[in-house]
C-alpha atoms as a PDB file:
ATOM      1  CA  MET A   1     -39.550  64.541 154.412  1.00  0.00           C
ATOM      2  CA  LYS A   2     -37.761  63.967 151.094  1.00  0.00           C
ATOM      3  CA  GLU A   3     -34.836  62.080 152.962  1.00  0.00           C
ATOM      4  CA  LYS A   4     -37.491  59.955 154.755  1.00  0.00           C
ATOM      5  CA  ILE A   5     -39.141  59.129 151.371  1.00  0.00           C
ATOM      6  CA  ILE A   6     -35.892  58.223 149.701  1.00  0.00           C
ATOM      7  CA  LEU A   7     -34.771  55.918 152.712  1.00  0.00           C
ATOM      8  CA  THR A   8     -38.134  54.234 152.933  1.00  0.00           C
ATOM      9  CA  ALA A   9     -38.136  53.749 149.114  1.00  0.00           C
ATOM     10  CA  LEU A  10     -34.668  52.219 149.469  1.00  0.00           C
ATOM     11  CA  LYS A  11     -35.884  49.726 152.141  1.00  0.00           C
ATOM     12  CA  ILE A  12     -38.788  48.658 150.125  1.00  0.00           C
ATOM     13  CA  CYS A  13     -36.711  48.265 146.946  1.00  0.00           C
ATOM     14  CA  GLU A  14     -34.148  46.153 148.601  1.00  0.00           C
ATOM     15  CA  LYS A  15     -36.762  44.024 150.339  1.00  0.00           C
ATOM     16  CA  GLU A  16     -39.178  43.490 147.398  1.00  0.00           C
ATOM     17  CA  GLY A  17     -37.194  44.433 144.415  1.00  0.00           C
ATOM     18  CA  TYR A  18     -37.144  47.397 142.135  1.00  0.00           C
ATOM     19  CA  ASP A  19     -39.481  45.935 139.669  1.00  0.00           C
ATOM     20  CA  SER A  20     -42.321  45.475 142.162  1.00  0.00           C
ATOM     21  CA  PHE A  21     -41.700  48.967 143.825  1.00  0.00           C
ATOM     22  CA  SER A  22     -44.543  51.344 143.432  1.00  0.00           C
ATOM     23  CA  MET A  23     -45.416  54.800 144.769  1.00  0.00           C
ATOM     24  CA  ARG A  24     -48.536  53.524 146.173  1.00  0.00           C
ATOM     25  CA  LYS A  25     -46.556  51.046 148.367  1.00  0.00           C
ATOM     26  CA  LEU A  26     -44.238  53.652 149.497  1.00  0.00           C
ATOM     27  CA  ALA A  27     -47.146  56.048 150.441  1.00  0.00           C
ATOM     28  CA  ALA A  28     -48.825  53.148 152.492  1.00  0.00           C
ATOM     29  CA  LYS A  29     -45.536  52.371 154.168  1.00  0.00           C
ATOM     30  CA  LEU A  30     -45.183  56.150 155.166  1.00  0.00           C
ATOM     31  CA  ASN A  31     -48.829  56.394 156.208  1.00  0.00           C
ATOM     32  CA  LEU A  32     -49.405  59.070 153.529  1.00  0.00           C
ATOM     33  CA  ASP A  33     -52.024  59.604 150.818  1.00  0.00           C
ATOM     34  CA  PRO A  34     -50.451  58.306 147.527  1.00  0.00           C
ATOM     35  CA  MET A  35     -50.607  61.747 145.933  1.00  0.00           C
ATOM     36  CA  ALA A  36     -48.484  63.198 148.764  1.00  0.00           C
ATOM     37  CA  VAL A  37     -45.401  61.572 147.587  1.00  0.00           C
ATOM     38  CA  TYR A  38     -45.851  63.323 144.164  1.00  0.00           C
ATOM     39  CA  HIS A  39     -45.417  66.428 145.986  1.00  0.00           C
ATOM     40  CA  TYR A  40     -41.718  65.695 146.483  1.00  0.00           C
ATOM     41  CA  PHE A  41     -40.954  63.499 143.328  1.00  0.00           C
ATOM     42  CA  ARG A  42     -42.821  63.942 139.978  1.00  0.00           C
ATOM     43  CA  ASN A  43     -42.580  60.093 139.357  1.00  0.00           C
ATOM     44  CA  LYS A  44     -40.923  56.759 140.147  1.00  0.00           C
ATOM     45  CA  GLU A  45     -38.139  57.643 137.901  1.00  0.00           C
ATOM     46  CA  GLU A  46     -37.266  60.864 139.719  1.00  0.00           C
ATOM     47  CA  LEU A  47     -37.480  59.119 142.939  1.00  0.00           C
ATOM     48  CA  THR A  48     -35.238  56.195 141.676  1.00  0.00           C
ATOM     49  CA  LYS A  49     -32.575  58.701 140.401  1.00  0.00           C
ATOM     50  CA  SER A  50     -32.511  60.351 143.876  1.00  0.00           C
ATOM     51  CA  MET A  51     -31.992  56.943 145.607  1.00  0.00           C
ATOM     52  CA  VAL A  52     -29.192  56.132 143.370  1.00  0.00           C
ATOM     53  CA  GLU A  53     -27.681  59.486 143.540  1.00  0.00           C
ATOM     54  CA  GLN A  54     -27.738  59.431 147.459  1.00  0.00           C
ATOM     55  CA  ILE A  55     -26.239  56.085 147.502  1.00  0.00           C
ATOM     56  CA  PHE A  56     -23.394  56.961 145.091  1.00  0.00           C
ATOM     57  CA  ASN A  57     -22.749  60.368 146.526  1.00  0.00           C
ATOM     58  CA  ARG A  58     -22.368  58.831 150.087  1.00  0.00           C
ATOM     59  CA  PHE A  59     -20.246  56.205 148.645  1.00  0.00           C
ATOM     60  CA  GLN A  60     -17.834  58.621 146.994  1.00  0.00           C
ATOM     61  CA  LYS A  61     -17.450  60.671 150.132  1.00  0.00           C
ATOM     62  CA  GLU A  62     -16.684  57.571 152.125  1.00  0.00           C
ATOM     63  CA  ILE A  63     -14.012  56.146 149.898  1.00  0.00           C
ATOM     64  CA  SER A  64     -10.626  57.503 150.608  1.00  0.00           C
ATOM     65  CA  VAL A  65      -7.817  57.480 147.967  1.00  0.00           C
ATOM     66  CA  SER A  66      -4.317  58.869 148.111  1.00  0.00           C
ATOM     67  CA  ASP A  67      -2.152  60.564 145.526  1.00  0.00           C
ATOM     68  CA  GLY A  68       0.133  57.463 145.893  1.00  0.00           C
ATOM     69  CA  ASN A  69      -0.066  54.101 143.868  1.00  0.00           C
ATOM     70  CA  PRO A  70      -3.038  54.153 141.362  1.00  0.00           C
ATOM     71  CA  LYS A  71      -3.278  50.310 141.558  1.00  0.00           C
ATOM     72  CA  ILE A  72      -3.749  50.483 145.247  1.00  0.00           C
ATOM     73  CA  ASN A  73      -6.334  53.162 144.905  1.00  0.00           C
ATOM     74  CA  LEU A  74      -8.176  51.266 142.083  1.00  0.00           C
ATOM     75  CA  LYS A  75      -8.413  48.140 144.280  1.00  0.00           C
ATOM     76  CA  LYS A  76      -9.705  50.178 147.312  1.00  0.00           C
ATOM     77  CA  VAL A  77     -12.322  51.665 145.277  1.00  0.00           C
ATOM     78  CA  LEU A  78     -13.272  48.381 143.708  1.00  0.00           C
ATOM     79  CA  ILE A  79     -13.567  46.452 147.032  1.00  0.00           C
ATOM     80  CA  ALA A  80     -15.664  49.444 148.370  1.00  0.00           C
ATOM     81  CA  TYR A  81     -17.825  49.263 145.239  1.00  0.00           C
ATOM     82  CA  TRP A  82     -18.298  45.367 145.917  1.00  0.00           C
ATOM     83  CA  ASN A  83     -19.319  46.134 149.428  1.00  0.00           C
ATOM     84  CA  LEU A  84     -21.827  48.697 148.154  1.00  0.00           C
ATOM     85  CA  PHE A  85     -23.387  46.207 145.924  1.00  0.00           C
ATOM     86  CA  ILE A  86     -23.584  43.707 148.747  1.00  0.00           C
ATOM     87  CA  GLU A  87     -25.295  46.318 150.878  1.00  0.00           C
ATOM     88  CA  TYR A  88     -27.835  47.240 148.008  1.00  0.00           C
ATOM     89  CA  PRO A  89     -28.260  44.164 145.819  1.00  0.00           C
ATOM     90  CA  GLY A  90     -31.662  45.374 144.373  1.00  0.00           C
ATOM     91  CA  MET A  91     -29.912  48.596 143.183  1.00  0.00           C
ATOM     92  CA  SER A  92     -27.246  46.500 141.700  1.00  0.00           C
ATOM     93  CA  LEU A  93     -29.769  44.578 139.538  1.00  0.00           C
ATOM     94  CA  TYR A  94     -31.480  47.893 138.834  1.00  0.00           C
ATOM     95  CA  LEU A  95     -28.246  49.477 137.393  1.00  0.00           C
ATOM     96  CA  VAL A  96     -27.159  46.276 135.550  1.00  0.00           C
ATOM     97  CA  LYS A  97     -30.420  46.186 133.687  1.00  0.00           C
ATOM     98  CA  ASN A  98     -30.744  49.932 133.083  1.00  0.00           C
ATOM     99  CA  SER A  99     -28.293  52.624 131.690  1.00  0.00           C
ATOM    100  CA  TYR A 100     -26.550  54.656 134.129  1.00  0.00           C
ATOM    101  CA  ASP A 101     -26.179  57.807 131.861  1.00  0.00           C
ATOM    102  CA  GLU A 102     -28.829  59.680 133.735  1.00  0.00           C
ATOM    103  CA  PHE A 103     -27.151  59.317 137.112  1.00  0.00           C
ATOM    104  CA  PRO A 104     -24.303  61.979 137.490  1.00  0.00           C
ATOM    105  CA  SER A 105     -22.766  60.322 140.601  1.00  0.00           C
ATOM    106  CA  VAL A 106     -22.533  56.945 138.719  1.00  0.00           C
ATOM    107  CA  ILE A 107     -20.788  58.843 135.857  1.00  0.00           C
ATOM    108  CA  SER A 108     -18.426  60.637 138.140  1.00  0.00           C
ATOM    109  CA  LEU A 109     -17.252  57.140 139.781  1.00  0.00           C
ATOM    110  CA  ASN A 110     -16.977  55.685 136.356  1.00  0.00           C
ATOM    111  CA  GLU A 111     -14.650  58.621 135.326  1.00  0.00           C
ATOM    112  CA  LYS A 112     -12.644  58.086 138.591  1.00  0.00           C
ATOM    113  CA  LEU A 113     -12.432  54.389 137.845  1.00  0.00           C
ATOM    114  CA  GLN A 114     -11.326  55.112 134.285  1.00  0.00           C
ATOM    115  CA  SER A 115      -8.496  57.491 135.518  1.00  0.00           C
ATOM    116  CA  PHE A 116      -7.221  54.764 137.937  1.00  0.00           C
ATOM    117  CA  VAL A 117      -7.247  52.114 135.252  1.00  0.00           C
ATOM    118  CA  GLN A 118      -5.524  54.403 132.731  1.00  0.00           C
ATOM    119  CA  LYS A 119      -2.743  55.149 135.356  1.00  0.00           C
ATOM    120  CA  SER A 120      -2.400  51.571 136.320  1.00  0.00           C
ATOM    121  CA  PHE A 121      -2.445  50.053 132.915  1.00  0.00           C
ATOM    122  CA  PRO A 122      -1.405  52.722 130.461  1.00  0.00           C
ATOM    123  CA  GLU A 123      -0.678  50.560 127.632  1.00  0.00           C
ATOM    124  CA  MET A 124      -4.131  48.946 127.632  1.00  0.00           C
ATOM    125  CA  ASP A 125      -7.616  49.776 126.383  1.00  0.00           C
ATOM    126  CA  VAL A 126      -9.250  51.433 129.457  1.00  0.00           C
ATOM    127  CA  TYR A 127     -12.748  50.684 128.578  1.00  0.00           C
ATOM    128  CA  ILE A 128     -12.187  46.909 127.968  1.00  0.00           C
ATOM    129  CA  ILE A 129     -10.449  46.557 131.333  1.00  0.00           C
ATOM    130  CA  LEU A 130     -13.019  48.602 133.048  1.00  0.00           C
ATOM    131  CA  ASN A 131     -15.766  46.659 131.576  1.00  0.00           C
ATOM    132  CA  VAL A 132     -14.177  43.369 132.640  1.00  0.00           C
ATOM    133  CA  ILE A 133     -13.586  44.589 136.240  1.00  0.00           C
ATOM    134  CA  ILE A 134     -17.226  46.054 136.655  1.00  0.00           C
ATOM    135  CA  ASP A 135     -18.810  42.862 135.111  1.00  0.00           C
ATOM    136  CA  PHE A 136     -16.613  40.818 137.364  1.00  0.00           C
ATOM    137  CA  ILE A 137     -17.681  42.800 140.472  1.00  0.00           C
ATOM    138  CA  HIS A 138     -21.455  42.842 139.528  1.00  0.00           C
ATOM    139  CA  GLY A 139     -21.385  39.106 138.904  1.00  0.00           C
ATOM    140  CA  ASN A 140     -19.489  38.319 142.129  1.00  0.00           C
ATOM    141  CA  ALA A 141     -21.660  40.580 144.175  1.00  0.00           C
ATOM    142  CA  LEU A 142     -24.936  39.257 142.806  1.00  0.00           C
ATOM    143  CA  ALA A 143     -23.802  35.579 143.327  1.00  0.00           C
ATOM    144  CA  SER A 144     -22.667  36.388 146.949  1.00  0.00           C
ATOM    145  CA  THR A 145     -25.926  37.903 147.843  1.00  0.00           C
ATOM    146  CA  SER A 146     -27.818  34.924 146.466  1.00  0.00           C
ATOM    147  CA  LEU A 147     -25.830  32.853 149.011  1.00  0.00           C
ATOM    148  CA  PHE A 148     -26.942  34.478 151.983  1.00  0.00           C
ATOM    149  CA  SER A 149     -29.671  36.876 153.379  1.00  0.00           C
ATOM    150  CA  LYS A 150     -28.937  39.887 155.138  1.00  0.00           C
ATOM    151  CA  GLY A 151     -28.492  39.787 158.877  1.00  0.00           C
ATOM    152  CA  LYS A 152     -25.971  39.489 161.724  1.00  0.00           C
ATOM    153  CA  SER A 153     -25.752  35.722 161.501  1.00  0.00           C
ATOM    154  CA  ASN A 154     -24.366  36.129 157.863  1.00  0.00           C
ATOM    155  CA  GLU A 155     -21.701  38.818 158.654  1.00  0.00           C
ATOM    156  CA  ALA A 156     -19.089  35.990 158.976  1.00  0.00           C
ATOM    157  CA  LYS A 157     -20.134  34.545 155.572  1.00  0.00           C
ATOM    158  CA  ILE A 158     -20.017  37.975 154.008  1.00  0.00           C
ATOM    159  CA  LEU A 159     -16.397  38.736 155.477  1.00  0.00           C
ATOM    160  CA  ALA A 160     -15.302  35.266 154.134  1.00  0.00           C
ATOM    161  CA  ASN A 161     -16.822  35.925 150.790  1.00  0.00           C
ATOM    162  CA  GLN A 162     -15.185  39.452 150.826  1.00  0.00           C
ATOM    163  CA  LYS A 163     -11.644  37.896 151.475  1.00  0.00           C
ATOM    164  CA  GLU A 164     -12.284  35.454 148.467  1.00  0.00           C
ATOM    165  CA  PHE A 165     -13.377  38.421 146.320  1.00  0.00           C
ATOM    166  CA  GLU A 166     -10.218  40.360 147.232  1.00  0.00           C
ATOM    167  CA  ILE A 167      -7.955  37.445 146.415  1.00  0.00           C
ATOM    168  CA  SER A 168      -9.825  37.035 143.008  1.00  0.00           C
ATOM    169  CA  LEU A 169      -9.725  40.770 142.173  1.00  0.00           C
ATOM    170  CA  SER A 170      -5.885  40.936 142.983  1.00  0.00           C
ATOM    171  CA  TYR A 171      -5.402  37.904 140.600  1.00  0.00           C
ATOM    172  CA  LEU A 172      -7.625  39.592 137.967  1.00  0.00           C
ATOM    173  CA  LEU A 173      -5.596  42.832 138.275  1.00  0.00           C
ATOM    174  CA  ASP A 174      -2.448  41.027 138.088  1.00  0.00           C
ATOM    175  CA  GLN A 175      -3.442  39.558 134.875  1.00  0.00           C
ATOM    176  CA  PHE A 176      -3.790  42.990 133.295  1.00  0.00           C
ATOM    177  CA  SER A 177      -0.280  43.666 134.411  1.00  0.00           C
ATOM    178  CA  LYS A 178       1.150  40.890 132.485  1.00  0.00           C
ATOM    179  CA  LYS A 179      -0.233  42.022 129.371  1.00  0.00           C
END
């Protein structure tokens, strides 16, 4: 039941936004008494943490990196990260607005990215590069999602936008290499 609650909450949040999400709406969608949800999650914050953790844990399991070129690994992870934010724009806005310090899976991803950045650009400030890259991804993904709504008819637009994103990302990463 916990899994069903998380998945339903994600659907509601992506459709209506995290700011308008409530435990009452969730309970109504699940045809439960509002207090029944609190049996599984103490409050909205705990449920939100579970949603973020589920998404980011799944994301980290799905990305594959090799022991090879750290720049290639960095680019692969960043492209996958962009796709994650296209899939979950509401979560994207939530994480941009809130600190991620309470989300172990987000911290783990951030540490992995720091390692790739350090190996790719050893003479540069890892935190500055990572902040620039993450801001670039968030901005691009949020702008992209505002251009089209989800649906099969928009898959071609998403793919075209992803190609543009990949070209821009390559250019950005190349600029760090020139420093």
